[in-house]
């Protein structure tokens, strides 16, 4: 009888401790600390709880894109994108547009099992007269414990245009 009481108390204490540890790990750093840690070209406007690994991947990917680190951003593309495009083709496809100066992460939401949609505001151009911000929605997928960026292909763009 006594051993059951002790076992229940021990189990309750262990669960409380595990919950406290998980909460501390899941919350990670405060939003203020997170914003201070971001590259100067990025702002994070969503306060939703998102997996820290996804947050890190988004920040890394767009930091590399802003600094023209094509090799680095290519390594964060989903495996099927790297199958479709060589590193050189990837660079050629992405380097023809406007220069991205700043990225705002506006929202992140789950779009299914192991899939997230990230809404961004991309600030491009140089001077104020020749710059602007365009909205972008992109997908990130979780495969074997790692988050991957899913580059929109021409086929994806055509499908979106046909559905509108």
C-alpha atoms as a PDB file:
ATOM      1  CA  UNK A   1       0.000   0.000   0.000  1.00  0.00           C
ATOM      2  CA  UNK A   2       2.731   2.443   0.989  1.00  0.00           C
ATOM      3  CA  UNK A   3       4.789   1.636  -2.078  1.00  0.00           C
ATOM      4  CA  UNK A   4       1.858   2.586  -4.349  1.00  0.00           C
ATOM      5  CA  UNK A   5       1.525   5.957  -2.640  1.00  0.00           C
ATOM      6  CA  UNK A   6       5.248   6.607  -3.009  1.00  0.00           C
ATOM      7  CA  UNK A   7       5.156   5.435  -6.604  1.00  0.00           C
ATOM      8  CA  UNK A   8       2.286   7.812  -7.409  1.00  0.00           C
ATOM      9  CA  UNK A   9       4.060  10.708  -5.683  1.00  0.00           C
ATOM     10  CA  UNK A  10       7.302   9.883  -7.489  1.00  0.00           C
ATOM     11  CA  UNK A  11       5.454   9.639 -10.820  1.00  0.00           C
ATOM     12  CA  UNK A  12       3.668  12.954 -10.217  1.00  0.00           C
ATOM     13  CA  UNK A  13       6.966  14.641  -9.315  1.00  0.00           C
ATOM     14  CA  UNK A  14       8.681  13.154 -12.372  1.00  0.00           C
ATOM     15  CA  UNK A  15       5.869  14.326 -14.655  1.00  0.00           C
ATOM     16  CA  UNK A  16       5.957  17.805 -13.131  1.00  0.00           C
ATOM     17  CA  UNK A  17       9.729  17.979 -13.573  1.00  0.00           C
ATOM     18  CA  UNK A  18       9.526  16.674 -17.159  1.00  0.00           C
ATOM     19  CA  UNK A  19       6.795  19.184 -17.977  1.00  0.00           C
ATOM     20  CA  UNK A  20       8.868  22.024 -16.551  1.00  0.00           C
ATOM     21  CA  UNK A  21      11.938  20.936 -18.523  1.00  0.00           C
ATOM     22  CA  UNK A  22       9.931  20.550 -21.746  1.00  0.00           C
ATOM     23  CA  UNK A  23       8.324  23.951 -21.283  1.00  0.00           C
ATOM     24  CA  UNK A  24      11.727  25.548 -20.751  1.00  0.00           C
ATOM     25  CA  UNK A  25      13.191  23.796 -23.800  1.00  0.00           C
ATOM     26  CA  UNK A  26      10.184  24.485 -26.009  1.00  0.00           C
ATOM     27  CA  UNK A  27      10.025  28.152 -25.172  1.00  0.00           C
ATOM     28  CA  UNK A  28      13.742  28.423 -25.856  1.00  0.00           C
ATOM     29  CA  UNK A  29      14.757  32.046 -25.716  1.00  0.00           C
ATOM     30  CA  UNK A  30      12.381  34.922 -25.218  1.00  0.00           C
ATOM     31  CA  UNK A  31      10.979  36.696 -28.265  1.00  0.00           C
ATOM     32  CA  UNK A  32      13.074  39.746 -27.356  1.00  0.00           C
ATOM     33  CA  UNK A  33      16.260  37.661 -27.254  1.00  0.00           C
ATOM     34  CA  UNK A  34      15.240  35.930 -30.483  1.00  0.00           C
ATOM     35  CA  UNK A  35      14.774  39.245 -32.272  1.00  0.00           C
ATOM     36  CA  UNK A  36      18.166  40.462 -31.045  1.00  0.00           C
ATOM     37  CA  UNK A  37      19.750  37.266 -32.387  1.00  0.00           C
ATOM     38  CA  UNK A  38      18.268  37.655 -35.874  1.00  0.00           C
ATOM     39  CA  UNK A  39      20.403  38.942 -38.716  1.00  0.00           C
ATOM     40  CA  UNK A  40      19.941  42.694 -39.182  1.00  0.00           C
ATOM     41  CA  UNK A  41      18.052  42.061 -42.431  1.00  0.00           C
ATOM     42  CA  UNK A  42      15.304  39.978 -40.789  1.00  0.00           C
ATOM     43  CA  UNK A  43      12.349  40.729 -38.566  1.00  0.00           C
ATOM     44  CA  UNK A  44      10.091  38.195 -36.911  1.00  0.00           C
ATOM     45  CA  UNK A  45       6.512  39.362 -36.476  1.00  0.00           C
ATOM     46  CA  UNK A  46       4.674  36.195 -35.540  1.00  0.00           C
ATOM     47  CA  UNK A  47       4.341  35.255 -31.895  1.00  0.00           C
ATOM     48  CA  UNK A  48       3.029  31.763 -32.636  1.00  0.00           C
ATOM     49  CA  UNK A  49       4.855  28.869 -31.090  1.00  0.00           C
ATOM     50  CA  UNK A  50       6.777  27.269 -33.924  1.00  0.00           C
ATOM     51  CA  UNK A  51       9.361  24.509 -33.734  1.00  0.00           C
ATOM     52  CA  UNK A  52      12.739  26.029 -32.943  1.00  0.00           C
ATOM     53  CA  UNK A  53      14.395  23.953 -35.685  1.00  0.00           C
ATOM     54  CA  UNK A  54      11.986  25.440 -38.254  1.00  0.00           C
ATOM     55  CA  UNK A  55      12.621  28.960 -36.994  1.00  0.00           C
ATOM     56  CA  UNK A  56      16.377  28.373 -37.231  1.00  0.00           C
ATOM     57  CA  UNK A  57      16.056  26.941 -40.752  1.00  0.00           C
ATOM     58  CA  UNK A  58      13.972  29.910 -41.995  1.00  0.00           C
ATOM     59  CA  UNK A  59      16.442  32.411 -40.509  1.00  0.00           C
ATOM     60  CA  UNK A  60      19.433  30.521 -41.946  1.00  0.00           C
ATOM     61  CA  UNK A  61      17.886  30.136 -45.392  1.00  0.00           C
ATOM     62  CA  UNK A  62      16.903  33.781 -45.820  1.00  0.00           C
ATOM     63  CA  UNK A  63      20.146  35.001 -44.274  1.00  0.00           C
ATOM     64  CA  UNK A  64      21.995  33.048 -46.967  1.00  0.00           C
ATOM     65  CA  UNK A  65      19.682  34.267 -49.724  1.00  0.00           C
ATOM     66  CA  UNK A  66      20.178  37.905 -48.661  1.00  0.00           C
ATOM     67  CA  UNK A  67      23.961  37.477 -48.619  1.00  0.00           C
ATOM     68  CA  UNK A  68      23.968  35.633 -51.990  1.00  0.00           C
ATOM     69  CA  UNK A  69      25.227  32.401 -50.433  1.00  0.00           C
ATOM     70  CA  UNK A  70      23.687  30.199 -53.141  1.00  0.00           C
ATOM     71  CA  UNK A  71      25.514  27.062 -52.044  1.00  0.00           C
ATOM     72  CA  UNK A  72      24.241  27.419 -48.497  1.00  0.00           C
ATOM     73  CA  UNK A  73      20.629  28.096 -49.441  1.00  0.00           C
ATOM     74  CA  UNK A  74      20.736  25.278 -52.027  1.00  0.00           C
ATOM     75  CA  UNK A  75      21.674  22.839 -49.243  1.00  0.00           C
ATOM     76  CA  UNK A  76      18.454  23.810 -47.395  1.00  0.00           C
ATOM     77  CA  UNK A  77      16.223  23.111 -50.394  1.00  0.00           C
ATOM     78  CA  UNK A  78      14.052  20.005 -50.229  1.00  0.00           C
ATOM     79  CA  UNK A  79      15.618  16.867 -51.709  1.00  0.00           C
ATOM     80  CA  UNK A  80      13.232  16.832 -54.684  1.00  0.00           C
ATOM     81  CA  UNK A  81      14.236  20.416 -55.571  1.00  0.00           C
ATOM     82  CA  UNK A  82      17.922  19.477 -55.482  1.00  0.00           C
ATOM     83  CA  UNK A  83      17.046  16.547 -57.735  1.00  0.00           C
ATOM     84  CA  UNK A  84      15.308  18.850 -60.235  1.00  0.00           C
ATOM     85  CA  UNK A  85      17.915  21.627 -60.228  1.00  0.00           C
ATOM     86  CA  UNK A  86      21.678  21.461 -60.205  1.00  0.00           C
ATOM     87  CA  UNK A  87      23.367  24.008 -57.944  1.00  0.00           C
ATOM     88  CA  UNK A  88      24.241  26.106 -61.003  1.00  0.00           C
ATOM     89  CA  UNK A  89      20.662  26.008 -62.363  1.00  0.00           C
ATOM     90  CA  UNK A  90      19.363  26.969 -58.925  1.00  0.00           C
ATOM     91  CA  UNK A  91      21.678  29.981 -58.776  1.00  0.00           C
ATOM     92  CA  UNK A  92      20.724  31.037 -62.308  1.00  0.00           C
ATOM     93  CA  UNK A  93      16.990  30.782 -61.575  1.00  0.00           C
ATOM     94  CA  UNK A  94      17.202  32.833 -58.383  1.00  0.00           C
ATOM     95  CA  UNK A  95      19.854  35.374 -59.320  1.00  0.00           C
ATOM     96  CA  UNK A  96      17.873  36.981 -62.133  1.00  0.00           C
ATOM     97  CA  UNK A  97      15.438  38.878 -59.902  1.00  0.00           C
ATOM     98  CA  UNK A  98      15.578  41.866 -57.611  1.00  0.00           C
ATOM     99  CA  UNK A  99      18.131  42.040 -54.816  1.00  0.00           C
ATOM    100  CA  UNK A 100      16.504  41.113 -51.508  1.00  0.00           C
ATOM    101  CA  UNK A 101      17.465  43.565 -48.774  1.00  0.00           C
ATOM    102  CA  UNK A 102      15.259  42.541 -45.870  1.00  0.00           C
ATOM    103  CA  UNK A 103      12.818  39.775 -44.953  1.00  0.00           C
ATOM    104  CA  UNK A 104       9.863  40.007 -42.554  1.00  0.00           C
ATOM    105  CA  UNK A 105       8.458  36.736 -41.227  1.00  0.00           C
ATOM    106  CA  UNK A 106       4.772  37.584 -40.819  1.00  0.00           C
ATOM    107  CA  UNK A 107       3.177  34.237 -40.030  1.00  0.00           C
ATOM    108  CA  UNK A 108       3.873  30.532 -39.822  1.00  0.00           C
ATOM    109  CA  UNK A 109       1.095  27.970 -39.852  1.00  0.00           C
ATOM    110  CA  UNK A 110       0.832  24.222 -40.190  1.00  0.00           C
ATOM    111  CA  UNK A 111      -0.548  23.071 -43.539  1.00  0.00           C
ATOM    112  CA  UNK A 112      -0.691  19.383 -42.782  1.00  0.00           C
ATOM    113  CA  UNK A 113       1.437  16.619 -41.438  1.00  0.00           C
ATOM    114  CA  UNK A 114       5.088  17.753 -41.348  1.00  0.00           C
ATOM    115  CA  UNK A 115       4.373  20.775 -43.557  1.00  0.00           C
ATOM    116  CA  UNK A 116       4.405  24.480 -42.671  1.00  0.00           C
ATOM    117  CA  UNK A 117       3.455  27.569 -44.632  1.00  0.00           C
ATOM    118  CA  UNK A 118       5.589  30.646 -43.979  1.00  0.00           C
ATOM    119  CA  UNK A 119       4.277  34.086 -44.976  1.00  0.00           C
ATOM    120  CA  UNK A 120       6.996  36.617 -45.665  1.00  0.00           C
ATOM    121  CA  UNK A 121       7.390  40.194 -46.762  1.00  0.00           C
ATOM    122  CA  UNK A 122      10.444  40.596 -49.012  1.00  0.00           C
ATOM    123  CA  UNK A 123      11.900  44.096 -49.194  1.00  0.00           C
ATOM    124  CA  UNK A 124      13.861  44.449 -52.400  1.00  0.00           C
ATOM    125  CA  UNK A 125      15.861  47.102 -54.223  1.00  0.00           C
ATOM    126  CA  UNK A 126      18.229  49.846 -53.220  1.00  0.00           C
ATOM    127  CA  UNK A 127      16.943  53.388 -52.843  1.00  0.00           C
ATOM    128  CA  UNK A 128      13.432  54.119 -51.586  1.00  0.00           C
ATOM    129  CA  UNK A 129      12.327  55.171 -55.061  1.00  0.00           C
ATOM    130  CA  UNK A 130      13.429  51.858 -56.524  1.00  0.00           C
ATOM    131  CA  UNK A 131      12.368  49.523 -53.750  1.00  0.00           C
ATOM    132  CA  UNK A 132       9.292  47.805 -52.472  1.00  0.00           C
ATOM    133  CA  UNK A 133       7.944  44.904 -50.507  1.00  0.00           C
ATOM    134  CA  UNK A 134       6.260  41.890 -51.992  1.00  0.00           C
ATOM    135  CA  UNK A 135       4.390  39.176 -50.096  1.00  0.00           C
ATOM    136  CA  UNK A 136       5.569  35.609 -50.443  1.00  0.00           C
ATOM    137  CA  UNK A 137       4.125  32.356 -49.162  1.00  0.00           C
ATOM    138  CA  UNK A 138       6.465  29.429 -49.055  1.00  0.00           C
ATOM    139  CA  UNK A 139       6.344  25.892 -47.775  1.00  0.00           C
ATOM    140  CA  UNK A 140       8.739  24.097 -45.469  1.00  0.00           C
ATOM    141  CA  UNK A 141       8.606  20.342 -44.922  1.00  0.00           C
ATOM    142  CA  UNK A 142       9.972  18.122 -42.186  1.00  0.00           C
ATOM    143  CA  UNK A 143      11.772  15.051 -43.548  1.00  0.00           C
ATOM    144  CA  UNK A 144      13.710  12.704 -41.269  1.00  0.00           C
ATOM    145  CA  UNK A 145      13.997  15.312 -38.521  1.00  0.00           C
ATOM    146  CA  UNK A 146      15.188  18.199 -40.705  1.00  0.00           C
ATOM    147  CA  UNK A 147      13.253  21.148 -42.134  1.00  0.00           C
ATOM    148  CA  UNK A 148      13.612  21.789 -45.864  1.00  0.00           C
ATOM    149  CA  UNK A 149      12.594  24.780 -47.963  1.00  0.00           C
ATOM    150  CA  UNK A 150      10.329  23.945 -50.903  1.00  0.00           C
ATOM    151  CA  UNK A 151      11.210  26.220 -53.804  1.00  0.00           C
ATOM    152  CA  UNK A 152       8.233  27.141 -55.965  1.00  0.00           C
ATOM    153  CA  UNK A 153       8.749  25.738 -59.421  1.00  0.00           C
ATOM    154  CA  UNK A 154       7.244  27.039 -62.642  1.00  0.00           C
ATOM    155  CA  UNK A 155       4.685  24.227 -62.470  1.00  0.00           C
ATOM    156  CA  UNK A 156       3.598  25.371 -58.979  1.00  0.00           C
ATOM    157  CA  UNK A 157       3.157  28.936 -60.235  1.00  0.00           C
ATOM    158  CA  UNK A 158       1.095  27.783 -63.222  1.00  0.00           C
ATOM    159  CA  UNK A 159      -1.151  25.685 -60.955  1.00  0.00           C
ATOM    160  CA  UNK A 160      -1.771  28.705 -58.699  1.00  0.00           C
ATOM    161  CA  UNK A 161      -2.620  30.937 -61.660  1.00  0.00           C
ATOM    162  CA  UNK A 162      -5.075  28.368 -63.037  1.00  0.00           C
ATOM    163  CA  UNK A 163      -6.828  27.996 -59.678  1.00  0.00           C
ATOM    164  CA  UNK A 164      -7.392  31.778 -59.371  1.00  0.00           C
END
